[in-house]
Amino acid sequence: MTRMASGEHPFFRELVLSVLAMADGWLKAGEVSELTGLTYKQTIDALNYLYNAEKVLRTGRKFTAMWGKLELEKEIDASEQSKILIDCFLRGYRTP
């Protein structure tokens, strides 16, 4: 018998997916964690699994990541995404 990681429990994924489905917009992982009652690690593991399975959307990376349902894809502001990419690219050329 194999042992499942905390985010691999199907109930956790369904719980996280249902919270995102009921949300009006984007949520941070901490907000999803509070709404589900799961630990932050369990929530992140479930969100990453759902993202890799293409069941949820993510915008941003690491601590700025926001999570949402697939219907939010049409609402992603391309100009904001472009600004983030340009900032990342130019970060190495800026002087502190």
N, C-alpha and C. Protein backbone atom coordinates (compact mmCIF):
# COMPACT_ATOMS: atom_id res chain seq x y z
N MET A 1 0.84 -1.17 0.00
CA MET A 1 0.00 0.00 0.00
C MET A 1 0.89 1.24 0.00
N THR A 2 0.58 2.18 -0.88
CA THR A 2 1.38 3.39 -0.96
C THR A 2 0.73 4.49 -0.13
N ARG A 3 1.57 5.34 0.36
CA ARG A 3 1.09 6.45 1.18
C ARG A 3 0.89 7.68 0.32
N MET A 4 -0.24 8.37 0.48
CA MET A 4 -0.53 9.56 -0.29
C MET A 4 0.01 10.79 0.42
N ALA A 5 0.51 11.73 -0.38
CA ALA A 5 0.89 13.03 0.18
C ALA A 5 -0.39 13.77 0.55
N SER A 6 -0.25 14.81 1.36
CA SER A 6 -1.43 15.51 1.87
C SER A 6 -2.31 16.08 0.78
N GLY A 7 -1.74 16.57 -0.31
CA GLY A 7 -2.54 17.17 -1.38
C GLY A 7 -3.09 16.17 -2.35
N GLU A 8 -2.68 14.91 -2.22
CA GLU A 8 -3.12 13.89 -3.15
C GLU A 8 -4.45 13.27 -2.76
N HIS A 9 -4.98 13.63 -1.64
CA HIS A 9 -6.25 13.09 -1.20
C HIS A 9 -7.36 13.66 -2.09
N PRO A 10 -8.12 12.81 -2.76
CA PRO A 10 -9.15 13.31 -3.69
C PRO A 10 -10.16 14.25 -3.03
N PHE A 11 -10.46 14.04 -1.76
CA PHE A 11 -11.41 14.91 -1.08
C PHE A 11 -10.88 16.33 -0.98
N PHE A 12 -9.59 16.48 -0.71
CA PHE A 12 -8.99 17.81 -0.62
C PHE A 12 -9.11 18.54 -1.94
N ARG A 13 -8.83 17.83 -3.03
CA ARG A 13 -8.91 18.46 -4.35
C ARG A 13 -10.34 18.88 -4.66
N GLU A 14 -11.30 18.04 -4.36
CA GLU A 14 -12.70 18.38 -4.62
C GLU A 14 -13.15 19.56 -3.77
N LEU A 15 -12.69 19.60 -2.53
CA LEU A 15 -13.03 20.70 -1.64
C LEU A 15 -12.46 22.02 -2.16
N VAL A 16 -11.20 22.01 -2.58
CA VAL A 16 -10.56 23.21 -3.13
C VAL A 16 -11.25 23.62 -4.42
N LEU A 17 -11.56 22.66 -5.28
CA LEU A 17 -12.22 22.94 -6.55
C LEU A 17 -13.60 23.55 -6.33
N SER A 18 -14.33 23.07 -5.34
CA SER A 18 -15.67 23.63 -5.07
C SER A 18 -15.59 25.05 -4.53
N VAL A 19 -14.57 25.36 -3.72
CA VAL A 19 -14.40 26.72 -3.22
C VAL A 19 -14.09 27.67 -4.36
N LEU A 20 -13.20 27.25 -5.27
CA LEU A 20 -12.86 28.10 -6.41
C LEU A 20 -14.05 28.27 -7.35
N ALA A 21 -14.87 27.24 -7.47
CA ALA A 21 -16.05 27.33 -8.34
C ALA A 21 -17.07 28.33 -7.79
N MET A 22 -17.16 28.46 -6.48
CA MET A 22 -18.12 29.37 -5.87
C MET A 22 -17.59 30.80 -5.76
N ALA A 23 -16.29 30.98 -5.93
CA ALA A 23 -15.69 32.30 -5.79
C ALA A 23 -16.04 33.18 -6.99
N ASP A 24 -16.16 34.48 -6.73
CA ASP A 24 -16.48 35.43 -7.80
C ASP A 24 -15.26 35.82 -8.62
N GLY A 25 -14.08 35.68 -8.05
CA GLY A 25 -12.86 36.11 -8.75
C GLY A 25 -11.67 35.28 -8.32
N TRP A 26 -10.52 35.89 -8.37
CA TRP A 26 -9.27 35.24 -8.02
C TRP A 26 -9.09 35.20 -6.50
N LEU A 27 -8.49 34.11 -6.01
CA LEU A 27 -8.22 33.95 -4.59
C LEU A 27 -6.75 33.59 -4.38
N LYS A 28 -6.20 34.05 -3.27
CA LYS A 28 -4.86 33.63 -2.87
C LYS A 28 -4.97 32.27 -2.19
N ALA A 29 -3.87 31.54 -2.16
CA ALA A 29 -3.87 30.21 -1.56
C ALA A 29 -4.26 30.28 -0.08
N GLY A 30 -3.83 31.32 0.62
CA GLY A 30 -4.19 31.46 2.03
C GLY A 30 -5.68 31.63 2.22
N GLU A 31 -6.33 32.35 1.30
CA GLU A 31 -7.78 32.53 1.38
C GLU A 31 -8.50 31.21 1.12
N VAL A 32 -7.99 30.45 0.14
CA VAL A 32 -8.58 29.13 -0.14
C VAL A 32 -8.41 28.23 1.07
N SER A 33 -7.25 28.30 1.71
CA SER A 33 -6.98 27.50 2.90
C SER A 33 -7.95 27.83 4.02
N GLU A 34 -8.21 29.12 4.23
CA GLU A 34 -9.15 29.52 5.28
C GLU A 34 -10.58 29.06 4.97
N LEU A 35 -10.98 29.16 3.72
CA LEU A 35 -12.34 28.79 3.34
C LEU A 35 -12.57 27.28 3.40
N THR A 36 -11.53 26.49 3.10
CA THR A 36 -11.68 25.04 3.11
C THR A 36 -11.45 24.43 4.48
N GLY A 37 -10.66 25.12 5.31
CA GLY A 37 -10.31 24.55 6.61
C GLY A 37 -9.11 23.62 6.52
N LEU A 38 -8.49 23.54 5.36
CA LEU A 38 -7.30 22.70 5.18
C LEU A 38 -6.07 23.49 5.60
N THR A 39 -4.98 22.78 5.83
CA THR A 39 -3.73 23.47 6.10
C THR A 39 -3.23 24.11 4.81
N TYR A 40 -2.30 25.06 4.95
CA TYR A 40 -1.75 25.74 3.78
C TYR A 40 -1.07 24.74 2.85
N LYS A 41 -0.30 23.80 3.41
CA LYS A 41 0.40 22.78 2.60
C LYS A 41 -0.59 21.91 1.85
N GLN A 42 -1.64 21.45 2.50
CA GLN A 42 -2.65 20.64 1.84
C GLN A 42 -3.30 21.42 0.70
N THR A 43 -3.56 22.70 0.95
CA THR A 43 -4.19 23.54 -0.06
C THR A 43 -3.28 23.74 -1.26
N ILE A 44 -2.01 24.07 -1.02
CA ILE A 44 -1.06 24.27 -2.11
C ILE A 44 -0.89 22.99 -2.92
N ASP A 45 -0.78 21.85 -2.26
CA ASP A 45 -0.64 20.59 -2.97
C ASP A 45 -1.86 20.31 -3.85
N ALA A 46 -3.04 20.56 -3.32
CA ALA A 46 -4.27 20.35 -4.09
C ALA A 46 -4.35 21.33 -5.26
N LEU A 47 -4.01 22.59 -5.02
CA LEU A 47 -4.05 23.59 -6.08
C LEU A 47 -3.06 23.26 -7.20
N ASN A 48 -1.86 22.84 -6.84
CA ASN A 48 -0.87 22.47 -7.85
C ASN A 48 -1.33 21.27 -8.66
N TYR A 49 -1.92 20.29 -8.00
CA TYR A 49 -2.44 19.12 -8.71
C TYR A 49 -3.54 19.55 -9.69
N LEU A 50 -4.47 20.37 -9.22
CA LEU A 50 -5.57 20.82 -10.07
C LEU A 50 -5.06 21.70 -11.22
N TYR A 51 -4.04 22.49 -10.97
CA TYR A 51 -3.46 23.32 -12.02
C TYR A 51 -2.79 22.45 -13.09
N ASN A 52 -2.03 21.46 -12.65
CA ASN A 52 -1.37 20.56 -13.60
C ASN A 52 -2.36 19.72 -14.38
N ALA A 53 -3.52 19.45 -13.79
CA ALA A 53 -4.59 18.72 -14.47
C ALA A 53 -5.47 19.64 -15.31
N GLU A 54 -5.11 20.93 -15.34
CA GLU A 54 -5.83 21.96 -16.10
C GLU A 54 -7.29 22.09 -15.68
N LYS A 55 -7.52 22.04 -14.37
CA LYS A 55 -8.87 22.22 -13.83
C LYS A 55 -9.05 23.58 -13.17
N VAL A 56 -7.93 24.28 -12.89
CA VAL A 56 -7.98 25.62 -12.33
C VAL A 56 -6.93 26.48 -13.04
N LEU A 57 -7.05 27.79 -12.86
CA LEU A 57 -6.10 28.74 -13.44
C LEU A 57 -5.23 29.33 -12.35
N ARG A 58 -4.04 29.75 -12.75
CA ARG A 58 -3.15 30.45 -11.83
C ARG A 58 -2.59 31.66 -12.57
N THR A 59 -2.53 32.77 -11.88
CA THR A 59 -1.85 33.94 -12.41
C THR A 59 -0.85 34.38 -11.37
N GLY A 60 0.35 34.75 -11.80
CA GLY A 60 1.40 35.09 -10.86
C GLY A 60 2.19 33.86 -10.47
N ARG A 61 3.23 34.10 -9.67
CA ARG A 61 4.09 33.01 -9.24
C ARG A 61 4.41 33.15 -7.77
N LYS A 62 4.73 32.04 -7.15
CA LYS A 62 5.10 31.99 -5.74
C LYS A 62 4.09 32.72 -4.85
N PHE A 63 4.54 33.74 -4.14
CA PHE A 63 3.69 34.40 -3.16
C PHE A 63 2.66 35.33 -3.77
N THR A 64 2.82 35.68 -5.04
CA THR A 64 1.84 36.56 -5.70
C THR A 64 0.81 35.77 -6.48
N ALA A 65 0.87 34.46 -6.42
CA ALA A 65 -0.04 33.63 -7.20
C ALA A 65 -1.48 33.81 -6.75
N MET A 66 -2.35 33.89 -7.74
CA MET A 66 -3.79 33.94 -7.50
C MET A 66 -4.39 32.77 -8.26
N TRP A 67 -5.39 32.15 -7.67
CA TRP A 67 -6.00 30.95 -8.23
C TRP A 67 -7.45 31.22 -8.56
N GLY A 68 -7.94 30.59 -9.63
CA GLY A 68 -9.33 30.80 -10.01
C GLY A 68 -9.87 29.68 -10.88
N LYS A 69 -11.17 29.74 -11.12
CA LYS A 69 -11.83 28.75 -11.96
C LYS A 69 -11.52 29.03 -13.42
N LEU A 70 -11.77 28.05 -14.28
CA LEU A 70 -11.43 28.16 -15.69
C LEU A 70 -12.18 29.27 -16.40
N GLU A 71 -13.36 29.62 -15.91
CA GLU A 71 -14.14 30.67 -16.54
C GLU A 71 -13.48 32.04 -16.44
N LEU A 72 -12.51 32.20 -15.57
CA LEU A 72 -11.83 33.48 -15.40
C LEU A 72 -10.78 33.73 -16.47
N GLU A 73 -10.51 32.73 -17.31
CA GLU A 73 -9.47 32.88 -18.33
C GLU A 73 -9.74 34.06 -19.25
N LYS A 74 -10.98 34.29 -19.59
CA LYS A 74 -11.29 35.40 -20.49
C LYS A 74 -11.10 36.75 -19.81
N GLU A 75 -11.03 36.78 -18.48
CA GLU A 75 -10.90 38.02 -17.74
C GLU A 75 -9.44 38.40 -17.43
N ILE A 76 -8.49 37.54 -17.80
CA ILE A 76 -7.08 37.84 -17.53
C ILE A 76 -6.69 39.04 -18.37
N ASP A 77 -6.15 40.03 -17.71
CA ASP A 77 -5.75 41.25 -18.38
C ASP A 77 -4.37 41.04 -19.02
N ALA A 78 -4.33 41.02 -20.34
CA ALA A 78 -3.09 40.76 -21.06
C ALA A 78 -2.06 41.84 -20.78
N SER A 79 -2.50 43.08 -20.59
CA SER A 79 -1.55 44.15 -20.33
C SER A 79 -0.86 43.95 -18.98
N GLU A 80 -1.56 43.46 -17.99
CA GLU A 80 -0.96 43.20 -16.69
C GLU A 80 0.05 42.06 -16.79
N GLN A 81 -0.29 41.02 -17.55
CA GLN A 81 0.64 39.91 -17.76
C GLN A 81 1.89 40.40 -18.47
N SER A 82 1.73 41.25 -19.47
CA SER A 82 2.87 41.80 -20.21
C SER A 82 3.75 42.63 -19.29
N LYS A 83 3.14 43.42 -18.42
CA LYS A 83 3.91 44.25 -17.49
C LYS A 83 4.75 43.37 -16.57
N ILE A 84 4.20 42.28 -16.08
CA ILE A 84 4.94 41.37 -15.20
C ILE A 84 6.12 40.77 -15.94
N LEU A 85 5.90 40.33 -17.18
CA LEU A 85 6.99 39.74 -17.96
C LEU A 85 8.10 40.76 -18.24
N ILE A 86 7.74 41.98 -18.57
CA ILE A 86 8.74 43.02 -18.83
C ILE A 86 9.52 43.33 -17.56
N ASP A 87 8.82 43.42 -16.42
CA ASP A 87 9.51 43.67 -15.14
C ASP A 87 10.51 42.56 -14.83
N CYS A 88 10.12 41.31 -15.07
CA CYS A 88 11.02 40.18 -14.81
C CYS A 88 12.24 40.24 -15.74
N PHE A 89 12.01 40.59 -16.98
CA PHE A 89 13.10 40.66 -17.95
C PHE A 89 14.08 41.78 -17.61
N LEU A 90 13.56 42.92 -17.21
CA LEU A 90 14.40 44.08 -16.95
C LEU A 90 15.02 44.10 -15.56
N ARG A 91 14.60 43.21 -14.71
CA ARG A 91 15.10 43.19 -13.33
C ARG A 91 16.61 43.11 -13.27
N GLY A 92 17.21 42.34 -14.18
CA GLY A 92 18.66 42.18 -14.19
C GLY A 92 19.41 43.42 -14.64
N TYR A 93 18.75 44.31 -15.36
CA TYR A 93 19.40 45.51 -15.88
C TYR A 93 19.24 46.72 -14.98
N ARG A 94 18.42 46.65 -14.00
CA ARG A 94 18.19 47.79 -13.09
C ARG A 94 19.27 47.83 -12.03
N THR A 95 19.62 49.03 -11.62
CA THR A 95 20.59 49.17 -10.53
C THR A 95 19.82 49.35 -9.23
N PRO A 96 20.30 48.74 -8.16
CA PRO A 96 19.57 48.83 -6.88
C PRO A 96 19.60 50.19 -6.26
